[in-house]
Amino acid sequence: MKSKTPLWIIIVLLLLFIFWKFYNEPQPVVPEAPKQAINYDDANTLEEEYKMTRWQILNDTLKLKTPDGTPAADTREFLFSLDTLKQYIDYVEYHANEMGYSNLGIRIYNAAYPKGSASPDAGFSTVVLVPTGNKTDTQKAGFLVNTSTSLLMNDNINSLKALNFAHAGKPPKDL
């Protein structure tokens, strides 16, 4: 038995479906760098300034040594994998939102492992990343929230874990 629908109509409909499907697929969004991003040369200038004005003073003062007694320069660069940072950001966003925080951020503190501690990096510099956010003080604000007086601006969220244990450059790598 012969089909009443011509073959060319089926082909045209099939092609229309394929083109429709292809053009309706979500196109990947190319992320832009944040406004605070700087180019590599500017970053290198900042690092060189740090080395000339601070790092040598720290090394001369601290006189750090490796566990075997070899003189060593203090650490000045720290590496967290992107996976670790993404996991930490997910952790902060989830728990801080659950606790009512908004305008989340991460404050980075310079720190040092205590000399004589069990850390293999005792005496050396490290960084600690601490989550921050704003929280409405509902006890003071009452029923109507006045945002100019009820936000605790840029507080550390000390009930969440801080991030530490980056891979530290020993010896430090130049930018």
Protein backbone atom coordinates (compact mmCIF):
# COMPACT_ATOMS: atom_id res chain seq x y z
CA MET A 1 0.00 0.00 0.00
CA LYS A 2 1.31 3.37 -0.99
CA SER A 3 1.78 6.07 1.69
CA LYS A 4 -0.27 9.22 1.29
CA THR A 5 2.46 11.42 2.83
CA PRO A 6 5.20 12.22 0.32
CA LEU A 7 8.71 11.34 1.43
CA TRP A 8 9.97 14.90 0.94
CA ILE A 9 7.53 16.23 3.59
CA ILE A 10 8.87 13.74 6.11
CA ILE A 11 12.47 14.75 5.28
CA VAL A 12 11.66 18.48 5.61
CA LEU A 13 9.94 17.92 8.95
CA LEU A 14 12.87 15.86 10.18
CA LEU A 15 15.35 18.57 9.14
CA LEU A 16 13.22 21.26 10.78
CA PHE A 17 13.17 19.23 14.00
CA ILE A 18 16.95 18.75 13.94
CA PHE A 19 17.60 22.48 13.34
CA TRP A 20 15.08 23.44 16.03
CA LYS A 21 16.71 21.06 18.50
CA PHE A 22 20.22 22.32 17.69
CA TYR A 23 19.37 26.03 17.99
CA ASN A 24 17.32 25.59 21.16
CA GLU A 25 20.15 23.91 23.05
CA PRO A 26 21.45 26.24 25.75
CA GLN A 27 24.66 27.84 24.56
CA PRO A 28 27.52 27.85 27.06
CA VAL A 29 28.02 31.14 28.86
CA VAL A 30 31.60 32.38 28.73
CA PRO A 31 32.41 33.72 32.20
CA GLU A 32 34.06 37.11 32.50
CA ALA A 33 36.80 37.92 34.97
CA PRO A 34 35.60 39.86 38.04
CA LYS A 35 36.31 43.60 38.18
CA GLN A 36 39.03 42.95 40.76
CA ALA A 37 41.03 40.72 38.38
CA ILE A 38 44.41 42.14 37.35
CA ASN A 39 46.79 41.11 34.61
CA TYR A 40 49.85 38.96 35.22
CA ASP A 41 52.32 41.86 34.94
CA ASP A 42 50.45 43.88 37.58
CA ALA A 43 50.36 40.83 39.86
CA ASN A 44 54.10 40.40 39.39
CA THR A 45 54.67 44.08 40.28
CA LEU A 46 52.74 43.59 43.52
CA GLU A 47 54.70 40.46 44.40
CA GLU A 48 58.02 42.17 43.70
CA GLU A 49 56.99 45.07 45.97
CA TYR A 50 56.13 42.60 48.74
CA LYS A 51 59.48 40.84 48.37
CA MET A 52 61.44 44.12 48.42
CA THR A 53 59.58 45.76 51.32
CA ARG A 54 58.44 42.93 53.61
CA TRP A 55 59.62 39.44 52.79
CA GLN A 56 63.33 39.97 53.36
CA ILE A 57 62.62 41.68 56.69
CA LEU A 58 60.55 38.69 57.78
CA ASN A 59 63.25 36.22 56.74
CA ASP A 60 66.01 38.20 58.45
CA THR A 61 63.94 38.42 61.64
CA LEU A 62 62.53 34.89 61.75
CA LYS A 63 65.67 32.97 60.73
CA LEU A 64 63.58 29.91 59.88
CA LYS A 65 65.04 26.45 59.45
CA THR A 66 63.78 23.19 58.02
CA PRO A 67 63.35 20.24 60.42
CA ASP A 68 66.91 19.13 59.58
CA GLY A 69 68.31 22.57 60.53
CA THR A 70 68.89 23.96 57.04
CA PRO A 71 68.15 27.71 56.76
CA ALA A 72 64.91 28.29 54.84
CA ALA A 73 62.98 31.23 53.44
CA ASP A 74 59.47 31.76 54.75
CA THR A 75 56.57 30.81 52.55
CA ARG A 76 54.90 33.63 50.62
CA GLU A 77 52.61 31.78 48.20
CA PHE A 78 49.89 29.26 48.91
CA LEU A 79 48.00 26.94 46.59
CA PHE A 80 44.50 25.56 47.01
CA SER A 81 43.13 23.39 44.22
CA LEU A 82 40.07 24.72 42.42
CA ASP A 83 38.18 21.62 43.59
CA THR A 84 39.00 22.44 47.23
CA LEU A 85 37.99 26.08 46.80
CA LYS A 86 34.72 25.15 45.06
CA GLN A 87 33.92 22.60 47.78
CA TYR A 88 34.66 25.19 50.47
CA ILE A 89 32.53 27.84 48.75
CA ASP A 90 29.67 25.32 48.42
CA TYR A 91 30.04 24.50 52.15
CA VAL A 92 30.02 28.19 53.13
CA GLU A 93 27.08 29.09 50.86
CA TYR A 94 24.91 26.21 52.06
CA HIS A 95 25.50 26.56 55.80
CA ALA A 96 25.65 30.38 55.90
CA ASN A 97 22.38 30.63 53.98
CA GLU A 98 20.82 28.13 56.40
CA MET A 99 21.91 30.40 59.27
CA GLY A 100 20.43 33.50 57.63
CA TYR A 101 23.59 35.16 56.33
CA SER A 102 23.69 37.12 53.09
CA ASN A 103 26.35 39.01 51.12
CA LEU A 104 28.78 36.15 51.71
CA GLY A 105 32.53 36.52 51.34
CA ILE A 106 35.81 34.99 52.39
CA ARG A 107 38.35 36.92 54.46
CA ILE A 108 41.97 35.79 54.08
CA TYR A 109 44.21 36.06 57.13
CA ASN A 110 47.98 35.82 57.16
CA ALA A 111 48.92 33.31 59.84
CA ALA A 112 51.84 31.16 61.02
CA TYR A 113 52.17 27.69 62.48
CA PRO A 114 53.56 27.97 66.03
CA LYS A 115 57.24 27.13 66.40
CA GLY A 116 57.63 23.86 68.22
CA SER A 117 54.21 22.61 67.10
CA ALA A 118 53.72 19.16 65.59
CA SER A 119 53.10 20.75 62.19
CA PRO A 120 55.72 19.92 59.57
CA ASP A 121 55.55 23.65 58.75
CA ALA A 122 56.17 24.86 62.32
CA GLY A 123 57.29 28.50 62.29
CA PHE A 124 56.35 29.05 58.64
CA SER A 125 53.62 31.30 57.26
CA THR A 126 50.24 30.06 56.16
CA VAL A 127 46.87 31.56 55.29
CA VAL A 128 43.48 30.95 56.85
CA LEU A 129 40.29 31.58 54.87
CA VAL A 130 37.32 32.56 57.04
CA PRO A 131 33.73 32.89 55.78
CA THR A 132 32.03 36.26 56.25
CA GLY A 133 28.53 37.56 55.81
CA ASN A 134 25.86 39.97 56.93
CA LYS A 135 23.09 38.84 59.22
CA THR A 136 19.91 40.62 60.19
CA ASP A 137 19.75 41.06 63.94
CA THR A 138 16.11 40.09 64.37
CA GLN A 139 16.16 40.58 68.16
CA LYS A 140 17.06 44.26 67.76
CA ALA A 141 15.14 44.83 64.55
CA GLY A 142 11.77 43.59 65.77
CA PHE A 143 8.97 42.98 63.28
CA LEU A 144 9.96 45.70 60.82
CA VAL A 145 13.55 45.36 59.69
CA ASN A 146 15.49 48.60 59.28
CA THR A 147 18.41 47.52 57.11
CA SER A 148 20.53 50.54 58.00
CA THR A 149 20.68 49.52 61.68
CA SER A 150 20.01 45.78 61.72
CA LEU A 151 22.80 44.36 59.56
CA LEU A 152 25.93 43.21 61.27
CA MET A 153 28.28 44.27 58.50
CA ASN A 154 30.94 41.89 57.24
CA ASP A 155 31.14 39.66 60.31
CA ASN A 156 33.25 36.53 60.41
CA ILE A 157 30.98 33.49 60.55
CA ASN A 158 32.85 31.79 63.38
CA SER A 159 30.44 28.85 63.63
CA LEU A 160 31.68 27.57 60.25
CA LYS A 161 35.05 25.96 59.68
CA ALA A 162 37.92 28.05 58.34
CA LEU A 163 40.05 26.73 55.46
CA ASN A 164 43.77 26.04 55.94
CA PHE A 165 46.41 23.55 54.81
CA ALA A 166 47.19 25.00 51.42
CA HIS A 167 50.19 23.70 49.56
CA ALA A 168 52.88 26.18 50.50
CA GLY A 169 55.76 26.98 48.21
CA LYS A 170 58.99 25.88 49.86
CA PRO A 171 61.00 27.38 48.41
CA PRO A 172 58.60 30.07 47.22
CA LYS A 173 57.99 30.39 43.48
CA ASP A 174 58.30 33.78 41.82
CA LEU A 175 55.25 35.03 39.98
